[in-house]
Amino acid sequence: MKVRFAPSPTGSLHIGNALCAVANRNFGGTFLLRIDDTDPARNLPGGEEAILEDLRWLGIGWDEGPVHQSERTERYREAAAGLPERFMGVQLLRPDDRTATYHLASVVDDVDFGITHVIRGSDHRPNEELHRALAEALGATPPEYLYVGLILGDDGKKLSKRSEGASVASLREAGIPAEAVRGYLDELGIPRHDVHLDLSRIRSLAVEVLGELSDEELAARLGVPAAVVPALRGTHDLNEARELAATILEAPSVSLPGERETLERFRELREAANGVLDKEGAKAIVRELKAVGGNLRAVRRALTGRDSGPELWSVLAALPRDETLARIDAAL
């Protein structure tokens, strides 16, 4: 078996194209990556690089390619020489520069590269009769054609690339981990009918993925110390986790002279607990301060500049002793 994924270099993959890529990769056999770049008007600078980045991010590898149609112009002209100028009413070569149109280039490539199964969007279904006839006219056995339902918006219309979550890049920029996007596309499989983009499912998968990462793995993705990660548990995406980490790692600018009694008592407790605090040590300080009537919100504000956030013990465990004391002194 041999399959192919053949995007045009128009920038980040539409989520529907990404579904086709995953469907082809999961189908099995040899996977050919082909770049359909015969139409200069559609090609965007950096478009191919964006596609390759999306594929790698989704964990989609390819066995052959990328093959560029723009480098096979003479082969298409050679194939067209044995065919009528218009085949089944369709122009095979553009009259201005004699370059191949989509239909000719696609079929010639499928024949030349031995593609056995073409898995593509259902919007290509009307092309099947023409493509089969072209393959046979070239003396080849047509591949099997399978169709993937389109991913639609809430309005039931084809999803615009500008819509929320409609491109792989937009999901990545929204902080959705790659495993969540890939997991969603894997779940869809090869849908026989059109489906609606389910952002709530993608976000649910994102929470699951983040929850399963070890402290070290999540810290590496966020670029933060592993000690901060316990305070970030429960966040919904990587962006939210980064923003929360920033509230802990960046020293606030607050002045709380009215909370001197609480802050000085807290300072004594933290100073007495030398070194790094583990979970139990941090919780013990919080319990002791609470037992003497200390204002825990004041401690949180002194350390993070906020009145709410992750559990206070996790903030204490995330911050080095000297940094904690410096922030308390600044607030005093």
C-alpha atoms as a PDB file:
ATOM      1  CA  MET A   1       0.000   0.000   0.000  1.00  0.00           C
ATOM      2  CA  LYS A   2       1.101   3.533  -0.688  1.00  0.00           C
ATOM      3  CA  VAL A   3      -0.736   6.738   0.181  1.00  0.00           C
ATOM      4  CA  ARG A   4      -0.001  10.396  -0.305  1.00  0.00           C
ATOM      5  CA  PHE A   5      -0.776  13.716   1.276  1.00  0.00           C
ATOM      6  CA  ALA A   6      -0.657  16.576  -1.213  1.00  0.00           C
ATOM      7  CA  PRO A   7      -1.210  20.064   0.238  1.00  0.00           C
ATOM      8  CA  SER A   8      -0.720  23.319  -1.631  1.00  0.00           C
ATOM      9  CA  PRO A   9       1.880  25.625  -0.002  1.00  0.00           C
ATOM     10  CA  THR A  10      -0.650  28.149   1.273  1.00  0.00           C
ATOM     11  CA  GLY A  11       0.437  28.357   4.921  1.00  0.00           C
ATOM     12  CA  SER A  12      -0.559  26.526   8.083  1.00  0.00           C
ATOM     13  CA  LEU A  13      -2.742  23.484   7.560  1.00  0.00           C
ATOM     14  CA  HIS A  14      -6.495  23.883   7.761  1.00  0.00           C
ATOM     15  CA  ILE A  15      -7.803  21.460  10.392  1.00  0.00           C
ATOM     16  CA  GLY A  16      -9.605  19.565   7.604  1.00  0.00           C
ATOM     17  CA  ASN A  17      -6.343  19.098   5.691  1.00  0.00           C
ATOM     18  CA  ALA A  18      -4.689  17.977   8.912  1.00  0.00           C
ATOM     19  CA  LEU A  19      -7.439  15.357   9.257  1.00  0.00           C
ATOM     20  CA  CYS A  20      -6.585  14.066   5.764  1.00  0.00           C
ATOM     21  CA  ALA A  21      -2.902  13.913   6.689  1.00  0.00           C
ATOM     22  CA  VAL A  22      -3.642  11.919   9.857  1.00  0.00           C
ATOM     23  CA  ALA A  23      -6.067   9.632   7.990  1.00  0.00           C
ATOM     24  CA  ASN A  24      -3.398   8.843   5.399  1.00  0.00           C
ATOM     25  CA  ARG A  25      -0.685   8.260   8.000  1.00  0.00           C
ATOM     26  CA  ASN A  26      -2.934   6.013  10.082  1.00  0.00           C
ATOM     27  CA  PHE A  27      -4.117   4.063   7.023  1.00  0.00           C
ATOM     28  CA  GLY A  28      -0.764   2.336   6.771  1.00  0.00           C
ATOM     29  CA  GLY A  29       1.716   1.633   4.015  1.00  0.00           C
ATOM     30  CA  THR A  30       4.282   4.026   2.556  1.00  0.00           C
ATOM     31  CA  PHE A  31       3.436   7.700   3.020  1.00  0.00           C
ATOM     32  CA  LEU A  32       4.452  10.146   0.284  1.00  0.00           C
ATOM     33  CA  LEU A  33       4.409  13.887   0.943  1.00  0.00           C
ATOM     34  CA  ARG A  34       3.765  15.882  -2.220  1.00  0.00           C
ATOM     35  CA  ILE A  35       3.612  19.650  -2.508  1.00  0.00           C
ATOM     36  CA  ASP A  36       1.063  20.737  -5.124  1.00  0.00           C
ATOM     37  CA  ASP A  37       2.706  24.002  -6.140  1.00  0.00           C
ATOM     38  CA  THR A  38       1.867  24.295  -9.841  1.00  0.00           C
ATOM     39  CA  ASP A  39      -0.305  27.387  -9.312  1.00  0.00           C
ATOM     40  CA  PRO A  40       2.004  30.343  -8.447  1.00  0.00           C
ATOM     41  CA  ALA A  41      -0.977  32.561  -7.656  1.00  0.00           C
ATOM     42  CA  ARG A  42      -1.866  30.351  -4.661  1.00  0.00           C
ATOM     43  CA  ASN A  43       1.642  29.712  -3.338  1.00  0.00           C
ATOM     44  CA  LEU A  44       2.587  31.786  -0.290  1.00  0.00           C
ATOM     45  CA  PRO A  45       6.151  32.622   0.836  1.00  0.00           C
ATOM     46  CA  GLY A  46       6.948  30.306   3.731  1.00  0.00           C
ATOM     47  CA  GLY A  47       3.801  28.297   3.015  1.00  0.00           C
ATOM     48  CA  GLU A  48       5.590  24.985   2.606  1.00  0.00           C
ATOM     49  CA  GLU A  49       7.701  25.528   5.729  1.00  0.00           C
ATOM     50  CA  ALA A  50       4.523  26.193   7.727  1.00  0.00           C
ATOM     51  CA  ILE A  51       3.022  22.898   6.504  1.00  0.00           C
ATOM     52  CA  LEU A  52       6.144  20.916   7.380  1.00  0.00           C
ATOM     53  CA  GLU A  53       6.194  22.496  10.843  1.00  0.00           C
ATOM     54  CA  ASP A  54       2.538  21.573  11.381  1.00  0.00           C
ATOM     55  CA  LEU A  55       3.113  17.970  10.291  1.00  0.00           C
ATOM     56  CA  ARG A  56       6.128  17.560  12.559  1.00  0.00           C
ATOM     57  CA  TRP A  57       4.252  19.168  15.465  1.00  0.00           C
ATOM     58  CA  LEU A  58       1.402  16.687  15.005  1.00  0.00           C
ATOM     59  CA  GLY A  59       3.855  13.794  14.909  1.00  0.00           C
ATOM     60  CA  ILE A  60       3.131  12.979  11.260  1.00  0.00           C
ATOM     61  CA  GLY A  61       6.240  11.681   9.544  1.00  0.00           C
ATOM     62  CA  TRP A  62       6.581  10.863   5.862  1.00  0.00           C
ATOM     63  CA  ASP A  63       8.510   8.092   4.148  1.00  0.00           C
ATOM     64  CA  GLU A  64       9.109   9.785   0.788  1.00  0.00           C
ATOM     65  CA  GLY A  65       9.284  13.401  -0.356  1.00  0.00           C
ATOM     66  CA  PRO A  66       8.556  16.197  -0.232  1.00  0.00           C
ATOM     67  CA  VAL A  67       8.022  15.905  -3.997  1.00  0.00           C
ATOM     68  CA  HIS A  68       7.350  19.231  -5.709  1.00  0.00           C
ATOM     69  CA  GLN A  69       5.050  19.320  -8.694  1.00  0.00           C
ATOM     70  CA  SER A  70       6.764  22.493  -9.892  1.00  0.00           C
ATOM     71  CA  GLU A  71       9.849  20.372 -10.649  1.00  0.00           C
ATOM     72  CA  ARG A  72       7.937  17.912 -12.852  1.00  0.00           C
ATOM     73  CA  THR A  73       6.667  20.245 -15.598  1.00  0.00           C
ATOM     74  CA  GLU A  74       8.316  18.339 -18.457  1.00  0.00           C
ATOM     75  CA  ARG A  75       6.900  15.033 -17.220  1.00  0.00           C
ATOM     76  CA  TYR A  76       3.378  16.449 -17.298  1.00  0.00           C
ATOM     77  CA  ARG A  77       3.827  17.799 -20.822  1.00  0.00           C
ATOM     78  CA  GLU A  78       5.136  14.420 -21.911  1.00  0.00           C
ATOM     79  CA  ALA A  79       2.088  12.678 -20.416  1.00  0.00           C
ATOM     80  CA  ALA A  80      -0.285  15.188 -22.029  1.00  0.00           C
ATOM     81  CA  ALA A  81       1.268  14.634 -25.475  1.00  0.00           C
ATOM     82  CA  GLY A  82      -0.542  11.321 -25.801  1.00  0.00           C
ATOM     83  CA  LEU A  83      -3.899  12.731 -24.729  1.00  0.00           C
ATOM     84  CA  PRO A  84      -6.381  15.137 -26.341  1.00  0.00           C
ATOM     85  CA  GLU A  85      -5.936  18.808 -25.440  1.00  0.00           C
ATOM     86  CA  ARG A  86      -9.213  18.652 -23.540  1.00  0.00           C
ATOM     87  CA  PHE A  87      -9.987  15.399 -21.761  1.00  0.00           C
ATOM     88  CA  MET A  88     -13.637  14.858 -20.812  1.00  0.00           C
ATOM     89  CA  GLY A  89     -14.074  18.596 -21.341  1.00  0.00           C
ATOM     90  CA  VAL A  90     -11.263  19.523 -18.931  1.00  0.00           C
ATOM     91  CA  GLN A  91      -8.166  21.505 -19.974  1.00  0.00           C
ATOM     92  CA  LEU A  92      -5.022  19.483 -19.171  1.00  0.00           C
ATOM     93  CA  LEU A  93      -2.412  22.173 -19.832  1.00  0.00           C
ATOM     94  CA  ARG A  94      -2.769  25.888 -19.205  1.00  0.00           C
ATOM     95  CA  PRO A  95      -2.836  27.634 -22.593  1.00  0.00           C
ATOM     96  CA  ASP A  96      -0.543  30.490 -21.557  1.00  0.00           C
ATOM     97  CA  ASP A  97       2.533  28.608 -20.325  1.00  0.00           C
ATOM     98  CA  ARG A  98       1.688  24.935 -21.050  1.00  0.00           C
ATOM     99  CA  THR A  99       1.962  23.988 -17.379  1.00  0.00           C
ATOM    100  CA  ALA A 100      -0.200  21.186 -16.016  1.00  0.00           C
ATOM    101  CA  THR A 101      -3.565  21.872 -14.438  1.00  0.00           C
ATOM    102  CA  TYR A 102      -4.438  20.230 -11.116  1.00  0.00           C
ATOM    103  CA  HIS A 103      -6.173  17.213 -12.633  1.00  0.00           C
ATOM    104  CA  LEU A 104      -3.355  16.186 -14.960  1.00  0.00           C
ATOM    105  CA  ALA A 105      -0.545  16.767 -12.458  1.00  0.00           C
ATOM    106  CA  SER A 106      -2.336  14.912  -9.681  1.00  0.00           C
ATOM    107  CA  VAL A 107      -3.141  11.825 -11.744  1.00  0.00           C
ATOM    108  CA  VAL A 108       0.293  11.628 -13.383  1.00  0.00           C
ATOM    109  CA  ASP A 109       1.923  11.796  -9.946  1.00  0.00           C
ATOM    110  CA  ASP A 110      -0.360   9.126  -8.508  1.00  0.00           C
ATOM    111  CA  VAL A 111       0.553   6.866 -11.439  1.00  0.00           C
ATOM    112  CA  ASP A 112       4.293   7.588 -11.406  1.00  0.00           C
ATOM    113  CA  PHE A 113       4.700   7.183  -7.648  1.00  0.00           C
ATOM    114  CA  GLY A 114       2.596   4.052  -7.402  1.00  0.00           C
ATOM    115  CA  ILE A 115      -0.127   5.424  -5.154  1.00  0.00           C
ATOM    116  CA  THR A 116      -2.551   2.609  -4.321  1.00  0.00           C
ATOM    117  CA  HIS A 117      -5.043   4.527  -2.169  1.00  0.00           C
ATOM    118  CA  VAL A 118      -6.037   8.185  -2.465  1.00  0.00           C
ATOM    119  CA  ILE A 119      -7.594   9.428   0.777  1.00  0.00           C
ATOM    120  CA  ARG A 120      -8.862  12.971   0.365  1.00  0.00           C
ATOM    121  CA  GLY A 121     -11.649  15.350   1.313  1.00  0.00           C
ATOM    122  CA  SER A 122     -15.164  14.578   0.150  1.00  0.00           C
ATOM    123  CA  ASP A 123     -15.165  17.822  -1.839  1.00  0.00           C
ATOM    124  CA  HIS A 124     -12.956  15.944  -4.336  1.00  0.00           C
ATOM    125  CA  ARG A 125     -15.597  13.268  -4.930  1.00  0.00           C
ATOM    126  CA  PRO A 126     -16.766  14.898  -8.220  1.00  0.00           C
ATOM    127  CA  ASN A 127     -13.216  14.503  -9.581  1.00  0.00           C
ATOM    128  CA  GLU A 128     -13.111  10.724  -9.236  1.00  0.00           C
ATOM    129  CA  GLU A 129     -14.629   9.844 -12.626  1.00  0.00           C
ATOM    130  CA  LEU A 130     -12.203  12.144 -14.457  1.00  0.00           C
ATOM    131  CA  HIS A 131      -9.193  10.953 -12.473  1.00  0.00           C
ATOM    132  CA  ARG A 132     -10.010   7.296 -13.031  1.00  0.00           C
ATOM    133  CA  ALA A 133     -10.403   7.899 -16.773  1.00  0.00           C
ATOM    134  CA  LEU A 134      -7.134   9.841 -16.934  1.00  0.00           C
ATOM    135  CA  ALA A 135      -5.230   7.086 -15.134  1.00  0.00           C
ATOM    136  CA  GLU A 136      -6.628   4.485 -17.523  1.00  0.00           C
ATOM    137  CA  ALA A 137      -5.779   6.694 -20.528  1.00  0.00           C
ATOM    138  CA  LEU A 138      -2.196   6.746 -19.234  1.00  0.00           C
ATOM    139  CA  GLY A 139      -2.202   2.939 -19.214  1.00  0.00           C
ATOM    140  CA  ALA A 140      -2.409   2.572 -15.438  1.00  0.00           C
ATOM    141  CA  THR A 141      -4.788   1.013 -12.952  1.00  0.00           C
ATOM    142  CA  PRO A 142      -6.499   3.794 -10.968  1.00  0.00           C
ATOM    143  CA  PRO A 143      -5.921   3.818  -7.217  1.00  0.00           C
ATOM    144  CA  GLU A 144      -8.713   3.196  -4.744  1.00  0.00           C
ATOM    145  CA  TYR A 145     -10.430   6.433  -3.725  1.00  0.00           C
ATOM    146  CA  LEU A 146     -11.591   7.014  -0.152  1.00  0.00           C
ATOM    147  CA  TYR A 147     -13.205  10.201   1.062  1.00  0.00           C
ATOM    148  CA  VAL A 148     -12.924  12.036   4.358  1.00  0.00           C
ATOM    149  CA  GLY A 149     -15.872  14.131   5.517  1.00  0.00           C
ATOM    150  CA  LEU A 150     -15.252  17.867   5.757  1.00  0.00           C
ATOM    151  CA  ILE A 151     -14.883  19.681   9.066  1.00  0.00           C
ATOM    152  CA  LEU A 152     -17.570  22.344   9.262  1.00  0.00           C
ATOM    153  CA  GLY A 153     -18.220  25.362  11.459  1.00  0.00           C
ATOM    154  CA  ASP A 154     -21.138  25.737  13.843  1.00  0.00           C
ATOM    155  CA  ASP A 155     -23.160  27.234  11.014  1.00  0.00           C
ATOM    156  CA  GLY A 156     -22.830  24.050   8.970  1.00  0.00           C
ATOM    157  CA  LYS A 157     -20.676  25.765   6.366  1.00  0.00           C
ATOM    158  CA  LYS A 158     -17.115  24.940   5.344  1.00  0.00           C
ATOM    159  CA  LEU A 159     -14.814  26.166   8.076  1.00  0.00           C
ATOM    160  CA  SER A 160     -12.958  29.359   7.170  1.00  0.00           C
ATOM    161  CA  LYS A 161      -9.256  29.389   8.025  1.00  0.00           C
ATOM    162  CA  ARG A 162      -9.932  32.580   9.983  1.00  0.00           C
ATOM    163  CA  SER A 163     -12.372  30.804  12.305  1.00  0.00           C
ATOM    164  CA  GLU A 164     -11.305  29.912  15.825  1.00  0.00           C
ATOM    165  CA  GLY A 165      -9.351  26.661  15.830  1.00  0.00           C
ATOM    166  CA  ALA A 166      -9.574  26.268  12.049  1.00  0.00           C
ATOM    167  CA  SER A 167      -5.827  26.043  11.462  1.00  0.00           C
ATOM    168  CA  VAL A 168      -3.175  23.953  13.175  1.00  0.00           C
ATOM    169  CA  ALA A 169      -1.136  27.097  13.845  1.00  0.00           C
ATOM    170  CA  SER A 170      -4.056  28.791  15.630  1.00  0.00           C
ATOM    171  CA  LEU A 171      -4.484  25.799  17.936  1.00  0.00           C
ATOM    172  CA  ARG A 172      -0.762  25.736  18.678  1.00  0.00           C
ATOM    173  CA  GLU A 173      -0.792  29.495  19.377  1.00  0.00           C
ATOM    174  CA  ALA A 174      -3.777  28.989  21.686  1.00  0.00           C
ATOM    175  CA  GLY A 175      -1.613  26.737  23.849  1.00  0.00           C
ATOM    176  CA  ILE A 176      -3.269  23.457  22.910  1.00  0.00           C
ATOM    177  CA  PRO A 177      -0.675  20.660  23.196  1.00  0.00           C
ATOM    178  CA  ALA A 178       0.037  18.732  20.000  1.00  0.00           C
ATOM    179  CA  GLU A 179      -1.128  15.447  21.527  1.00  0.00           C
ATOM    180  CA  ALA A 180      -4.616  16.885  22.078  1.00  0.00           C
ATOM    181  CA  VAL A 181      -4.995  17.989  18.449  1.00  0.00           C
ATOM    182  CA  ARG A 182      -3.600  14.705  17.147  1.00  0.00           C
ATOM    183  CA  GLY A 183      -5.821  12.761  19.549  1.00  0.00           C
ATOM    184  CA  TYR A 184      -8.905  14.582  18.290  1.00  0.00           C
ATOM    185  CA  LEU A 185      -8.019  13.870  14.663  1.00  0.00           C
ATOM    186  CA  ASP A 186      -7.252  10.236  15.492  1.00  0.00           C
ATOM    187  CA  GLU A 187     -10.710   9.943  17.083  1.00  0.00           C
ATOM    188  CA  LEU A 188     -12.373  11.239  13.921  1.00  0.00           C
ATOM    189  CA  GLY A 189     -10.622   8.606  11.816  1.00  0.00           C
ATOM    190  CA  ILE A 190     -12.012   8.664   8.271  1.00  0.00           C
ATOM    191  CA  PRO A 191     -15.504  10.139   8.828  1.00  0.00           C
ATOM    192  CA  ARG A 192     -17.902   9.189   6.048  1.00  0.00           C
ATOM    193  CA  HIS A 193     -19.958  12.307   6.619  1.00  0.00           C
ATOM    194  CA  ASP A 194     -19.121  15.918   7.374  1.00  0.00           C
ATOM    195  CA  VAL A 195     -18.452  16.738  11.032  1.00  0.00           C
ATOM    196  CA  HIS A 196     -18.564  19.942  13.070  1.00  0.00           C
ATOM    197  CA  LEU A 197     -15.345  21.175  14.652  1.00  0.00           C
ATOM    198  CA  ASP A 198     -15.587  20.264  18.341  1.00  0.00           C
ATOM    199  CA  LEU A 199     -13.350  22.735  20.158  1.00  0.00           C
ATOM    200  CA  SER A 200     -14.729  21.623  23.526  1.00  0.00           C
ATOM    201  CA  ARG A 201     -13.452  18.094  22.842  1.00  0.00           C
ATOM    202  CA  ILE A 202     -10.043  19.419  21.834  1.00  0.00           C
ATOM    203  CA  ARG A 203      -9.872  21.484  25.039  1.00  0.00           C
ATOM    204  CA  SER A 204     -10.959  18.479  27.104  1.00  0.00           C
ATOM    205  CA  LEU A 205      -8.167  16.416  25.544  1.00  0.00           C
ATOM    206  CA  ALA A 206      -5.728  19.257  26.282  1.00  0.00           C
ATOM    207  CA  VAL A 207      -6.564  19.079  29.992  1.00  0.00           C
ATOM    208  CA  GLU A 208      -6.042  15.305  29.936  1.00  0.00           C
ATOM    209  CA  VAL A 209      -2.692  15.624  28.154  1.00  0.00           C
ATOM    210  CA  LEU A 210      -1.375  18.257  30.559  1.00  0.00           C
ATOM    211  CA  GLY A 211      -2.551  16.215  33.516  1.00  0.00           C
ATOM    212  CA  GLU A 212      -0.602  13.182  32.331  1.00  0.00           C
ATOM    213  CA  LEU A 213       2.701  15.015  31.836  1.00  0.00           C
ATOM    214  CA  SER A 214       5.287  14.657  34.581  1.00  0.00           C
ATOM    215  CA  ASP A 215       6.471  17.784  36.382  1.00  0.00           C
ATOM    216  CA  GLU A 216       9.716  17.662  34.420  1.00  0.00           C
ATOM    217  CA  GLU A 217       7.966  17.270  31.033  1.00  0.00           C
ATOM    218  CA  LEU A 218       5.541  20.113  31.666  1.00  0.00           C
ATOM    219  CA  ALA A 219       8.324  22.331  32.993  1.00  0.00           C
ATOM    220  CA  ALA A 220      10.351  21.733  29.819  1.00  0.00           C
ATOM    221  CA  ARG A 221       7.417  22.708  27.584  1.00  0.00           C
ATOM    222  CA  LEU A 222       6.766  25.850  29.551  1.00  0.00           C
ATOM    223  CA  GLY A 223      10.393  26.802  30.100  1.00  0.00           C
ATOM    224  CA  VAL A 224       9.946  27.102  33.873  1.00  0.00           C
ATOM    225  CA  PRO A 225      11.577  25.409  36.892  1.00  0.00           C
ATOM    226  CA  ALA A 226      10.018  22.062  37.780  1.00  0.00           C
ATOM    227  CA  ALA A 227       9.344  23.369  41.299  1.00  0.00           C
ATOM    228  CA  VAL A 228       6.704  25.720  39.858  1.00  0.00           C
ATOM    229  CA  VAL A 229       4.692  22.978  38.127  1.00  0.00           C
ATOM    230  CA  PRO A 230       2.593  21.792  41.119  1.00  0.00           C
ATOM    231  CA  ALA A 231       1.124  25.305  41.254  1.00  0.00           C
ATOM    232  CA  LEU A 232       0.115  25.011  37.602  1.00  0.00           C
ATOM    233  CA  ARG A 233      -1.834  21.782  37.835  1.00  0.00           C
ATOM    234  CA  GLY A 234      -5.426  22.183  36.729  1.00  0.00           C
ATOM    235  CA  THR A 235      -4.694  24.740  34.025  1.00  0.00           C
ATOM    236  CA  HIS A 236      -6.505  24.185  30.740  1.00  0.00           C
ATOM    237  CA  ASP A 237      -3.747  24.881  28.212  1.00  0.00           C
ATOM    238  CA  LEU A 238      -0.079  25.814  27.931  1.00  0.00           C
ATOM    239  CA  ASN A 239      -0.798  29.536  27.618  1.00  0.00           C
ATOM    240  CA  GLU A 240      -2.802  29.578  30.823  1.00  0.00           C
ATOM    241  CA  ALA A 241      -0.031  27.626  32.541  1.00  0.00           C
ATOM    242  CA  ARG A 242       2.619  30.096  31.306  1.00  0.00           C
ATOM    243  CA  GLU A 243       0.588  33.070  32.497  1.00  0.00           C
ATOM    244  CA  LEU A 244       0.097  31.496  35.912  1.00  0.00           C
ATOM    245  CA  ALA A 245       3.792  30.646  36.133  1.00  0.00           C
ATOM    246  CA  ALA A 246       4.626  34.274  35.384  1.00  0.00           C
ATOM    247  CA  THR A 247       2.546  35.454  38.351  1.00  0.00           C
ATOM    248  CA  ILE A 248       4.721  33.283  40.579  1.00  0.00           C
ATOM    249  CA  LEU A 249       8.132  33.817  39.003  1.00  0.00           C
ATOM    250  CA  GLU A 250       7.879  37.583  38.446  1.00  0.00           C
ATOM    251  CA  ALA A 251       8.259  39.609  41.649  1.00  0.00           C
ATOM    252  CA  PRO A 252       5.256  41.869  42.264  1.00  0.00           C
ATOM    253  CA  SER A 253       5.392  45.518  43.238  1.00  0.00           C
ATOM    254  CA  VAL A 254       3.198  45.788  46.312  1.00  0.00           C
ATOM    255  CA  SER A 255       3.348  47.579  49.634  1.00  0.00           C
ATOM    256  CA  LEU A 256       1.454  46.106  52.590  1.00  0.00           C
ATOM    257  CA  PRO A 257       2.550  47.985  55.744  1.00  0.00           C
ATOM    258  CA  GLY A 258      -0.846  47.328  57.309  1.00  0.00           C
ATOM    259  CA  GLU A 259      -0.151  43.591  57.270  1.00  0.00           C
ATOM    260  CA  ARG A 260       3.135  43.826  59.164  1.00  0.00           C
ATOM    261  CA  GLU A 261       2.177  41.380  61.913  1.00  0.00           C
ATOM    262  CA  THR A 262       1.180  38.625  59.486  1.00  0.00           C
ATOM    263  CA  LEU A 263       4.104  39.160  57.131  1.00  0.00           C
ATOM    264  CA  GLU A 264       6.705  39.300  59.890  1.00  0.00           C
ATOM    265  CA  ARG A 265       5.370  36.084  61.420  1.00  0.00           C
ATOM    266  CA  PHE A 266       5.373  34.436  58.013  1.00  0.00           C
ATOM    267  CA  ARG A 267       8.934  35.659  57.452  1.00  0.00           C
ATOM    268  CA  GLU A 268      10.045  34.001  60.699  1.00  0.00           C
ATOM    269  CA  LEU A 269       8.434  30.706  59.690  1.00  0.00           C
ATOM    270  CA  ARG A 270       9.963  30.704  56.198  1.00  0.00           C
ATOM    271  CA  GLU A 271      13.384  31.742  57.445  1.00  0.00           C
ATOM    272  CA  ALA A 272      13.356  28.915  59.960  1.00  0.00           C
ATOM    273  CA  ALA A 273      12.577  26.382  57.227  1.00  0.00           C
ATOM    274  CA  ASN A 274      15.959  26.304  55.535  1.00  0.00           C
ATOM    275  CA  GLY A 275      16.335  25.293  51.887  1.00  0.00           C
ATOM    276  CA  VAL A 276      13.712  24.122  49.450  1.00  0.00           C
ATOM    277  CA  LEU A 277      10.226  23.428  50.765  1.00  0.00           C
ATOM    278  CA  ASP A 278       8.518  20.199  49.852  1.00  0.00           C
ATOM    279  CA  LYS A 279       4.740  19.923  49.760  1.00  0.00           C
ATOM    280  CA  GLU A 280       4.370  18.926  53.395  1.00  0.00           C
ATOM    281  CA  GLY A 281       6.796  21.573  54.621  1.00  0.00           C
ATOM    282  CA  ALA A 282       4.963  24.289  52.713  1.00  0.00           C
ATOM    283  CA  LYS A 283       1.591  23.114  53.992  1.00  0.00           C
ATOM    284  CA  ALA A 284       2.945  23.120  57.553  1.00  0.00           C
ATOM    285  CA  ILE A 285       3.858  26.811  57.291  1.00  0.00           C
ATOM    286  CA  VAL A 286       0.406  27.665  55.958  1.00  0.00           C
ATOM    287  CA  ARG A 287      -1.250  25.709  58.805  1.00  0.00           C
ATOM    288  CA  GLU A 288       0.903  27.353  61.451  1.00  0.00           C
ATOM    289  CA  LEU A 289       0.259  30.848  60.129  1.00  0.00           C
ATOM    290  CA  LYS A 290      -3.467  30.183  59.918  1.00  0.00           C
ATOM    291  CA  ALA A 291      -3.503  28.864  63.503  1.00  0.00           C
ATOM    292  CA  VAL A 292      -2.231  32.188  64.856  1.00  0.00           C
ATOM    293  CA  GLY A 293      -4.789  34.157  62.867  1.00  0.00           C
ATOM    294  CA  GLY A 294      -2.485  35.245  60.064  1.00  0.00           C
ATOM    295  CA  ASN A 295      -3.971  36.775  56.940  1.00  0.00           C
ATOM    296  CA  LEU A 296      -3.148  34.251  54.233  1.00  0.00           C
ATOM    297  CA  ARG A 297      -4.430  36.564  51.508  1.00  0.00           C
ATOM    298  CA  ALA A 298      -1.854  39.161  52.568  1.00  0.00           C
ATOM    299  CA  VAL A 299       0.929  36.591  52.160  1.00  0.00           C
ATOM    300  CA  ARG A 300      -0.368  35.682  48.718  1.00  0.00           C
ATOM    301  CA  ARG A 301      -0.478  39.347  47.681  1.00  0.00           C
ATOM    302  CA  ALA A 302       3.052  39.914  48.967  1.00  0.00           C
ATOM    303  CA  LEU A 303       4.372  36.958  46.991  1.00  0.00           C
ATOM    304  CA  THR A 304       2.351  37.216  43.761  1.00  0.00           C
ATOM    305  CA  GLY A 305       0.601  40.593  43.769  1.00  0.00           C
ATOM    306  CA  ARG A 306      -2.775  38.825  43.509  1.00  0.00           C
ATOM    307  CA  ASP A 307      -5.638  37.985  45.810  1.00  0.00           C
ATOM    308  CA  SER A 308      -6.293  34.591  44.245  1.00  0.00           C
ATOM    309  CA  GLY A 309      -4.473  31.864  42.398  1.00  0.00           C
ATOM    310  CA  PRO A 310      -3.075  28.397  43.028  1.00  0.00           C
ATOM    311  CA  GLU A 311      -3.016  26.991  46.541  1.00  0.00           C
ATOM    312  CA  LEU A 312      -0.691  29.042  48.713  1.00  0.00           C
ATOM    313  CA  TRP A 313       1.432  26.056  49.708  1.00  0.00           C
ATOM    314  CA  SER A 314       2.308  25.464  46.030  1.00  0.00           C
ATOM    315  CA  VAL A 315       3.492  29.062  45.693  1.00  0.00           C
ATOM    316  CA  LEU A 316       5.718  28.655  48.772  1.00  0.00           C
ATOM    317  CA  ALA A 317       7.164  25.433  47.371  1.00  0.00           C
ATOM    318  CA  ALA A 318       7.805  27.051  43.986  1.00  0.00           C
ATOM    319  CA  LEU A 319       9.797  30.028  45.263  1.00  0.00           C
ATOM    320  CA  PRO A 320      13.369  29.775  46.587  1.00  0.00           C
ATOM    321  CA  ARG A 321      13.790  30.813  50.221  1.00  0.00           C
ATOM    322  CA  ASP A 322      15.796  33.955  49.497  1.00  0.00           C
ATOM    323  CA  GLU A 323      13.323  35.128  46.829  1.00  0.00           C
ATOM    324  CA  THR A 324      10.430  34.597  49.226  1.00  0.00           C
ATOM    325  CA  LEU A 325      12.110  36.632  51.952  1.00  0.00           C
ATOM    326  CA  ALA A 326      13.012  39.398  49.491  1.00  0.00           C
ATOM    327  CA  ARG A 327       9.391  39.735  48.389  1.00  0.00           C
ATOM    328  CA  ILE A 328       8.168  39.889  51.980  1.00  0.00           C
ATOM    329  CA  ASP A 329      10.718  42.569  52.785  1.00  0.00           C
ATOM    330  CA  ALA A 330       9.658  44.570  49.737  1.00  0.00           C
ATOM    331  CA  ALA A 331       5.990  44.362  50.771  1.00  0.00           C
ATOM    332  CA  LEU A 332       6.907  45.546  54.285  1.00  0.00           C
END
